[in-house]
Amino acid sequence: MPTESPALSVAARDPRLNDAPLLSAARRRQPPVTPVWFMRQAGRSLPEYLKVREGIPMLESCRRPELVTEITLQPVRRYGVDAAIFFSDIVVPLKAVGVGLDIKPGVGPVIEQPFRTRADLERIPQLHPGMIDDIAESVRLLTAELGATPLIGFAGAPFTLASYLVEGGPSRDLARTKALMYSDPQLWADLLARLAQISGEFLRVQVAAGVSAVQLFDSWVGALPLADYLAFVQPASASVLSAVRELDPGVPRIHFGVQTGELLGAIGEAGADVVGVDFRVPLDEAVTRIGPDRAVQGNLDPALLFAPREVLRGRVHAILEAGRAAPGHIFNLGHGVMPGTDPDAVKFVVDTVHAWKPAQE
């Protein structure tokens, strides 16, 4: 992917990571146990997270290496998950390049000057590694602590970042985003290309510092039909994932979107090694749509963490059985951990996944 930044050198990784179940599953091998981690595991419901974040704004929390390290490690310590997910937010790289924005509690990202015209593109420069030295430092601190436990890097996909920029904040219908996409396809393509450079470089810095895998989140792309995804979105997402592969082809790439049942095959074709599946599509059906060349991740409904343990155990077992259709399966939720979730329920799922044995054929 074209970039003006200097070449990044990839940090040496702990050799024990070669046997990590999550990386084995992502590479379509069969680990001895199904690996499990959770989106939004580093926050939302953990009391120790709420305590350490008290009084510190979200964006500031994401730029303090010592704090990022502590928050990222908290769920690994408590739950025994098979991977840590780098604590960040999808708008962190936008803030790093100078976009005026804030994350407002109970609302989400709010943009000071929403994107409207080509002139606005000049307000979004490329991201360079020197703008995010703290991100690299956070990764280095974490990998030193995690040892044989993989650290998953994190970035938002171009479409979702564009939706926040154009809408000015969260939106239910993405009307302004779609209007720009359809009315000025060239400006839309140029905006997504710029955002692809930003997300790609954000991931590259994390890979160079030592993350073992990356996940690209496309929270709002399920609002599009397949034809529009292919025409207006997939090339930019492919550019982000390609930027990771070019730096280190051995780092697995996970790609996840919400309400993307009709897009699963195309999301994989954007360059993912693992396709994340939300809770709306049965996992074995998702495997059929994605094809045999990619592992899958998912897909327990986060609301089931509020259900009785026997119900929860049954659903976890059903997903594990369905995941056997894939060449590799990473257990996860079909979206993020919800606020108010009992941490003991999360721990119960981890223990249930690790204890599960497939039925005899």
Protein backbone atom coordinates (compact mmCIF):
# COMPACT_ATOMS: atom_id res chain seq x y z
CA MET A 1 0.00 0.00 0.00
CA PRO A 2 1.49 3.40 -0.89
CA THR A 3 2.71 5.35 2.11
CA GLU A 4 5.21 8.11 2.73
CA SER A 5 6.26 6.70 6.09
CA PRO A 6 9.67 5.03 6.48
CA ALA A 7 9.86 1.26 6.40
CA LEU A 8 8.90 -0.42 9.65
CA SER A 9 10.94 -3.29 11.06
CA VAL A 10 9.01 -6.11 12.70
CA ALA A 11 9.81 -6.90 16.32
CA ALA A 12 10.87 -10.42 17.26
CA ARG A 13 8.02 -12.38 18.85
CA ASP A 14 8.09 -14.94 21.63
CA PRO A 15 8.74 -18.35 20.00
CA ARG A 16 6.10 -19.90 22.28
CA LEU A 17 3.47 -18.06 20.24
CA ASN A 18 3.97 -20.63 17.49
CA ASP A 19 1.89 -23.06 19.56
CA ALA A 20 -0.79 -20.56 20.64
CA PRO A 21 -4.25 -22.06 19.98
CA LEU A 22 -5.65 -18.80 18.61
CA LEU A 23 -2.91 -18.46 16.00
CA SER A 24 -3.19 -22.14 15.07
CA ALA A 25 -6.95 -21.80 14.51
CA ALA A 26 -6.46 -18.59 12.52
CA ARG A 27 -4.02 -20.45 10.28
CA ARG A 28 -6.58 -23.24 9.72
CA ARG A 29 -4.84 -25.77 11.91
CA GLN A 30 -6.61 -27.73 14.62
CA PRO A 31 -5.38 -26.72 18.10
CA PRO A 32 -5.94 -29.06 21.07
CA VAL A 33 -8.62 -26.71 22.44
CA THR A 34 -10.87 -24.17 20.76
CA PRO A 35 -9.42 -20.73 21.50
CA VAL A 36 -11.69 -18.07 22.97
CA TRP A 37 -11.54 -14.32 23.48
CA PHE A 38 -14.19 -11.59 23.56
CA MET A 39 -14.67 -8.36 21.71
CA ARG A 40 -14.76 -5.53 24.25
CA GLN A 41 -13.32 -7.88 26.86
CA ALA A 42 -11.04 -5.06 28.05
CA GLY A 43 -13.68 -2.91 29.62
CA ARG A 44 -17.42 -2.30 29.85
CA SER A 45 -18.16 -4.73 32.67
CA LEU A 46 -14.98 -5.37 34.66
CA PRO A 47 -15.00 -3.57 38.02
CA GLU A 48 -11.22 -3.23 37.92
CA TYR A 49 -11.53 -1.53 34.52
CA LEU A 50 -14.15 0.90 35.75
CA LYS A 51 -11.96 1.73 38.72
CA VAL A 52 -8.76 2.37 36.78
CA ARG A 53 -10.59 4.44 34.14
CA GLU A 54 -12.44 6.58 36.67
CA GLY A 55 -12.14 10.26 35.77
CA ILE A 56 -10.01 9.64 32.68
CA PRO A 57 -11.60 10.41 29.27
CA MET A 58 -11.64 7.55 26.79
CA LEU A 59 -9.31 9.07 24.23
CA GLU A 60 -6.78 9.96 26.91
CA SER A 61 -6.99 6.42 28.28
CA CYS A 62 -6.05 5.07 24.87
CA ARG A 63 -2.88 7.17 24.67
CA ARG A 64 -1.33 6.33 28.04
CA PRO A 65 0.89 3.25 27.56
CA GLU A 66 0.91 2.18 31.21
CA LEU A 67 -2.87 2.47 31.41
CA VAL A 68 -3.42 0.74 28.06
CA THR A 69 -1.22 -2.09 29.28
CA GLU A 70 -3.12 -2.51 32.53
CA ILE A 71 -6.55 -2.42 30.89
CA THR A 72 -5.56 -4.85 28.14
CA LEU A 73 -4.16 -7.32 30.67
CA GLN A 74 -7.12 -7.22 33.07
CA PRO A 75 -9.39 -9.69 31.20
CA VAL A 76 -6.46 -12.02 30.50
CA ARG A 77 -5.78 -12.26 34.20
CA ARG A 78 -9.42 -12.65 35.23
CA TYR A 79 -10.79 -14.90 32.48
CA GLY A 80 -7.84 -16.90 31.14
CA VAL A 81 -8.75 -16.04 27.55
CA ASP A 82 -6.49 -17.17 24.72
CA ALA A 83 -5.69 -13.67 23.48
CA ALA A 84 -5.55 -10.07 24.59
CA ILE A 85 -7.17 -7.40 22.41
CA PHE A 86 -5.31 -4.11 22.29
CA PHE A 87 -7.25 -1.49 24.22
CA SER A 88 -8.03 1.38 21.88
CA ASP A 89 -10.87 2.99 19.95
CA ILE A 90 -11.45 3.16 16.23
CA VAL A 91 -11.23 6.97 16.19
CA VAL A 92 -7.80 7.12 17.90
CA PRO A 93 -5.88 7.35 14.60
CA LEU A 94 -8.25 10.06 13.35
CA LYS A 95 -7.51 12.10 16.46
CA ALA A 96 -3.81 11.41 15.96
CA VAL A 97 -3.83 13.03 12.48
CA GLY A 98 -5.60 16.10 13.83
CA VAL A 99 -9.31 15.50 13.25
CA GLY A 100 -11.30 17.41 15.85
CA LEU A 101 -13.39 14.87 17.73
CA ASP A 102 -14.31 13.61 21.16
CA ILE A 103 -15.91 10.48 22.57
CA LYS A 104 -18.93 11.55 24.61
CA PRO A 105 -20.18 9.12 27.27
CA GLY A 106 -23.49 7.59 26.27
CA VAL A 107 -23.19 8.94 22.72
CA GLY A 108 -19.93 7.82 21.11
CA PRO A 109 -17.56 9.67 18.77
CA VAL A 110 -18.65 13.21 17.90
CA ILE A 111 -16.90 15.10 15.08
CA GLU A 112 -16.39 18.86 15.41
CA GLN A 113 -16.59 19.57 11.66
CA PRO A 114 -18.37 16.79 9.75
CA PHE A 115 -17.03 15.85 6.33
CA ARG A 116 -19.06 17.40 3.52
CA THR A 117 -16.91 18.48 0.52
CA ARG A 118 -13.61 17.81 -1.19
CA ALA A 119 -12.06 20.66 0.78
CA ASP A 120 -12.64 18.61 3.92
CA LEU A 121 -10.28 15.94 2.61
CA GLU A 122 -7.39 18.35 3.11
CA ARG A 123 -8.15 18.35 6.85
CA ILE A 124 -7.37 14.62 7.03
CA PRO A 125 -3.64 14.09 6.47
CA GLN A 126 -1.90 10.74 6.21
CA LEU A 127 -0.88 8.94 9.39
CA HIS A 128 2.82 8.47 10.06
CA PRO A 129 4.40 6.28 12.74
CA GLY A 130 5.82 9.25 14.64
CA MET A 131 2.28 10.45 15.35
CA ILE A 132 1.56 7.34 17.40
CA ASP A 133 4.79 6.49 19.21
CA ASP A 134 2.70 5.81 22.32
CA ILE A 135 0.77 3.06 20.50
CA ALA A 136 3.99 1.26 19.64
CA GLU A 137 5.20 1.66 23.22
CA SER A 138 1.93 0.19 24.55
CA VAL A 139 2.32 -2.85 22.30
CA ARG A 140 5.92 -3.37 23.41
CA LEU A 141 4.94 -3.19 27.08
CA LEU A 142 2.10 -5.63 26.51
CA THR A 143 4.01 -8.24 24.56
CA ALA A 144 6.68 -8.26 27.26
CA GLU A 145 3.98 -9.05 29.82
CA LEU A 146 1.93 -11.48 27.73
CA GLY A 147 4.71 -13.83 26.67
CA ALA A 148 3.01 -16.86 25.08
CA THR A 149 -0.44 -15.20 24.95
CA PRO A 150 -1.14 -13.49 21.61
CA LEU A 151 -1.94 -9.79 21.43
CA ILE A 152 -4.48 -8.83 18.76
CA GLY A 153 -4.03 -5.43 17.15
CA PHE A 154 -7.02 -3.21 16.50
CA ALA A 155 -8.29 -0.74 13.91
CA GLY A 156 -11.54 0.54 12.44
CA ALA A 157 -12.34 -0.12 8.81
CA PRO A 158 -12.56 2.78 6.32
CA PHE A 159 -16.34 2.59 5.84
CA THR A 160 -17.12 2.87 9.54
CA LEU A 161 -14.59 5.67 10.04
CA ALA A 162 -16.11 7.49 7.05
CA SER A 163 -19.60 7.11 8.49
CA TYR A 164 -18.55 8.88 11.70
CA LEU A 165 -16.81 11.65 9.76
CA VAL A 166 -19.74 12.26 7.43
CA GLU A 167 -22.57 11.86 9.92
CA GLY A 168 -20.74 13.78 12.63
CA GLY A 169 -21.40 10.97 15.10
CA PRO A 170 -23.34 7.73 15.44
CA SER A 171 -26.28 7.32 13.06
CA ARG A 172 -29.11 4.82 12.73
CA ASP A 173 -29.68 5.18 8.99
CA LEU A 174 -26.33 6.53 7.66
CA ALA A 175 -28.32 8.78 5.32
CA ARG A 176 -25.59 11.38 4.81
CA THR A 177 -22.95 8.68 4.33
CA LYS A 178 -24.94 6.91 1.64
CA ALA A 179 -25.86 10.20 -0.02
CA LEU A 180 -22.18 11.13 -0.39
CA MET A 181 -21.28 7.64 -1.59
CA TYR A 182 -23.94 7.63 -4.31
CA SER A 183 -23.79 11.30 -5.36
CA ASP A 184 -20.01 11.75 -5.55
CA PRO A 185 -18.35 8.34 -6.04
CA GLN A 186 -14.93 9.87 -6.73
CA LEU A 187 -14.87 11.93 -3.54
CA TRP A 188 -16.09 8.87 -1.64
CA ALA A 189 -13.31 6.74 -3.14
CA ASP A 190 -10.72 9.37 -2.27
CA LEU A 191 -11.99 9.62 1.30
CA LEU A 192 -11.88 5.85 1.78
CA ALA A 193 -8.40 5.68 0.26
CA ARG A 194 -7.19 8.24 2.79
CA LEU A 195 -8.85 6.35 5.63
CA ALA A 196 -7.38 3.08 4.36
CA GLN A 197 -3.91 4.60 4.63
CA ILE A 198 -4.65 5.75 8.19
CA SER A 199 -6.07 2.41 9.35
CA GLY A 200 -3.42 0.45 7.51
CA GLU A 201 -0.60 2.43 9.09
CA PHE A 202 -2.23 2.18 12.52
CA LEU A 203 -2.17 -1.59 12.20
CA ARG A 204 1.33 -1.66 10.70
CA VAL A 205 2.73 0.21 13.69
CA GLN A 206 1.13 -2.35 16.00
CA VAL A 207 2.45 -5.26 13.93
CA ALA A 208 5.95 -3.77 13.84
CA ALA A 209 5.86 -3.39 17.63
CA GLY A 210 4.90 -7.05 18.11
CA VAL A 211 1.18 -7.88 17.91
CA SER A 212 0.54 -11.47 16.80
CA ALA A 213 -2.71 -10.91 14.88
CA VAL A 214 -4.94 -7.99 13.89
CA GLN A 215 -8.67 -7.39 13.72
CA LEU A 216 -10.31 -4.86 11.42
CA PHE A 217 -13.71 -3.74 12.74
CA ASP A 218 -16.41 -2.53 10.33
CA SER A 219 -19.22 -1.79 12.73
CA TRP A 220 -21.71 -0.19 10.34
CA VAL A 221 -21.02 -1.83 6.98
CA GLY A 222 -24.00 -4.17 7.38
CA ALA A 223 -26.14 -1.22 6.30
CA LEU A 224 -25.11 -1.86 2.68
CA PRO A 225 -26.28 -4.44 0.13
CA LEU A 226 -23.65 -6.73 -1.35
CA ALA A 227 -23.35 -4.91 -4.70
CA ASP A 228 -22.64 -1.59 -2.99
CA TYR A 229 -20.18 -3.20 -0.59
CA LEU A 230 -18.24 -4.63 -3.53
CA ALA A 231 -18.26 -1.37 -5.47
CA PHE A 232 -17.76 1.21 -2.73
CA VAL A 233 -16.16 -0.46 0.30
CA GLN A 234 -14.30 -3.69 -0.35
CA PRO A 235 -11.32 -2.11 -2.20
CA ALA A 236 -10.50 0.15 0.76
CA SER A 237 -10.79 -2.66 3.31
CA ALA A 238 -8.62 -4.83 1.08
CA SER A 239 -6.01 -2.07 1.03
CA VAL A 240 -5.86 -2.03 4.85
CA LEU A 241 -5.49 -5.78 5.12
CA SER A 242 -2.92 -5.82 2.32
CA ALA A 243 -0.83 -3.26 4.22
CA VAL A 244 -0.55 -5.74 7.09
CA ARG A 245 0.28 -8.66 4.82
CA GLU A 246 3.00 -6.68 3.06
CA LEU A 247 4.71 -5.89 6.35
CA ASP A 248 4.40 -9.37 7.84
CA PRO A 249 2.54 -12.11 5.92
CA GLY A 250 2.67 -14.36 9.00
CA VAL A 251 0.30 -12.16 11.03
CA PRO A 252 -3.30 -13.46 10.73
CA ARG A 253 -5.91 -10.88 9.76
CA ILE A 254 -9.40 -11.04 11.27
CA HIS A 255 -12.20 -8.99 9.68
CA PHE A 256 -15.47 -8.43 11.53
CA GLY A 257 -18.64 -6.51 10.78
CA VAL A 258 -22.10 -6.28 12.32
CA GLN A 259 -25.22 -7.46 10.45
CA THR A 260 -23.03 -8.67 7.61
CA GLY A 261 -24.69 -12.00 6.90
CA GLU A 262 -25.10 -11.16 3.22
CA LEU A 263 -21.53 -9.86 2.98
CA LEU A 264 -19.59 -12.67 4.65
CA GLY A 265 -18.05 -14.11 1.50
CA ALA A 266 -17.03 -10.68 0.23
CA ILE A 267 -15.57 -9.70 3.60
CA GLY A 268 -13.35 -12.75 3.45
CA GLU A 269 -12.35 -11.95 -0.11
CA ALA A 270 -11.15 -8.52 1.06
CA GLY A 271 -8.12 -10.34 2.41
CA ALA A 272 -9.08 -11.82 5.76
CA ASP A 273 -7.60 -15.02 7.13
CA VAL A 274 -10.46 -15.17 9.65
CA VAL A 275 -13.99 -13.85 9.12
CA GLY A 276 -15.85 -12.73 12.22
CA VAL A 277 -19.52 -13.71 12.26
CA ASP A 278 -22.13 -11.84 14.26
CA PHE A 279 -24.84 -13.69 16.17
CA ARG A 280 -27.52 -13.40 13.48
CA VAL A 281 -26.21 -16.17 11.18
CA PRO A 282 -25.70 -19.77 12.36
CA LEU A 283 -22.01 -20.51 12.30
CA ASP A 284 -22.24 -23.57 10.05
CA GLU A 285 -24.30 -21.55 7.56
CA ALA A 286 -21.69 -18.79 7.75
CA VAL A 287 -18.99 -21.32 6.90
CA THR A 288 -20.92 -22.23 3.75
CA ARG A 289 -21.10 -18.57 2.72
CA ILE A 290 -17.45 -17.85 3.50
CA GLY A 291 -15.96 -20.97 1.93
CA PRO A 292 -13.27 -23.44 3.00
CA ASP A 293 -10.24 -21.19 2.67
CA ARG A 294 -10.78 -19.08 5.79
CA ALA A 295 -11.21 -19.67 9.48
CA VAL A 296 -14.21 -18.22 11.31
CA GLN A 297 -14.70 -16.38 14.57
CA GLY A 298 -17.86 -16.17 16.66
CA ASN A 299 -20.65 -16.12 17.42
CA LEU A 300 -22.52 -16.21 20.75
CA ASP A 301 -25.21 -13.55 21.23
CA PRO A 302 -23.83 -11.22 23.95
CA ALA A 303 -27.29 -11.15 25.55
CA LEU A 304 -26.94 -14.85 26.38
CA LEU A 305 -24.36 -13.90 29.01
CA PHE A 306 -27.39 -12.78 31.05
CA ALA A 307 -29.10 -16.19 30.68
CA PRO A 308 -29.10 -19.07 33.20
CA ARG A 309 -25.93 -21.13 33.13
CA GLU A 310 -27.55 -24.25 31.67
CA VAL A 311 -28.99 -22.24 28.79
CA LEU A 312 -25.65 -20.56 28.26
CA ARG A 313 -23.76 -23.87 28.30
CA GLY A 314 -26.12 -25.35 25.74
CA ARG A 315 -25.69 -22.42 23.35
CA VAL A 316 -21.91 -22.47 23.71
CA HIS A 317 -21.83 -26.20 22.92
CA ALA A 318 -24.07 -25.69 19.88
CA ILE A 319 -21.76 -23.01 18.49
CA LEU A 320 -18.70 -25.18 19.09
CA GLU A 321 -20.34 -28.04 17.21
CA ALA A 322 -21.30 -25.73 14.34
CA GLY A 323 -17.75 -24.38 14.26
CA ARG A 324 -16.45 -27.84 13.39
CA ALA A 325 -17.58 -27.13 9.82
CA ALA A 326 -14.81 -24.55 9.51
CA PRO A 327 -11.12 -25.25 8.88
CA GLY A 328 -10.41 -23.22 12.01
CA HIS A 329 -12.71 -21.77 14.68
CA ILE A 330 -12.04 -19.04 17.23
CA PHE A 331 -14.86 -18.78 19.77
CA ASN A 332 -16.09 -15.27 20.43
CA LEU A 333 -19.27 -13.31 20.87
CA GLY A 334 -21.24 -12.19 17.85
CA HIS A 335 -20.60 -8.60 19.00
CA GLY A 336 -19.01 -7.01 22.08
CA VAL A 337 -19.51 -7.63 25.79
CA MET A 338 -22.50 -5.57 26.91
CA PRO A 339 -22.43 -3.12 29.84
CA GLY A 340 -23.65 -4.74 33.04
CA THR A 341 -22.51 -8.23 32.06
CA ASP A 342 -21.54 -10.37 35.05
CA PRO A 343 -17.79 -11.14 34.77
CA ASP A 344 -18.52 -14.57 36.23
CA ALA A 345 -20.67 -15.34 33.19
CA VAL A 346 -17.77 -14.46 30.89
CA LYS A 347 -15.46 -16.70 32.91
CA PHE A 348 -18.07 -19.48 32.73
CA VAL A 349 -18.02 -19.29 28.92
CA VAL A 350 -14.22 -19.45 28.81
CA ASP A 351 -14.18 -22.50 31.06
CA THR A 352 -16.99 -24.15 29.08
CA VAL A 353 -15.18 -23.64 25.77
CA HIS A 354 -11.89 -24.96 27.13
CA ALA A 355 -13.56 -28.02 28.66
CA TRP A 356 -15.58 -28.91 25.55
CA LYS A 357 -14.79 -32.07 23.61
CA PRO A 358 -16.35 -32.69 20.20
CA ALA A 359 -18.93 -35.44 19.92
CA GLN A 360 -17.60 -38.71 18.54
CA GLU A 361 -18.31 -39.14 14.86
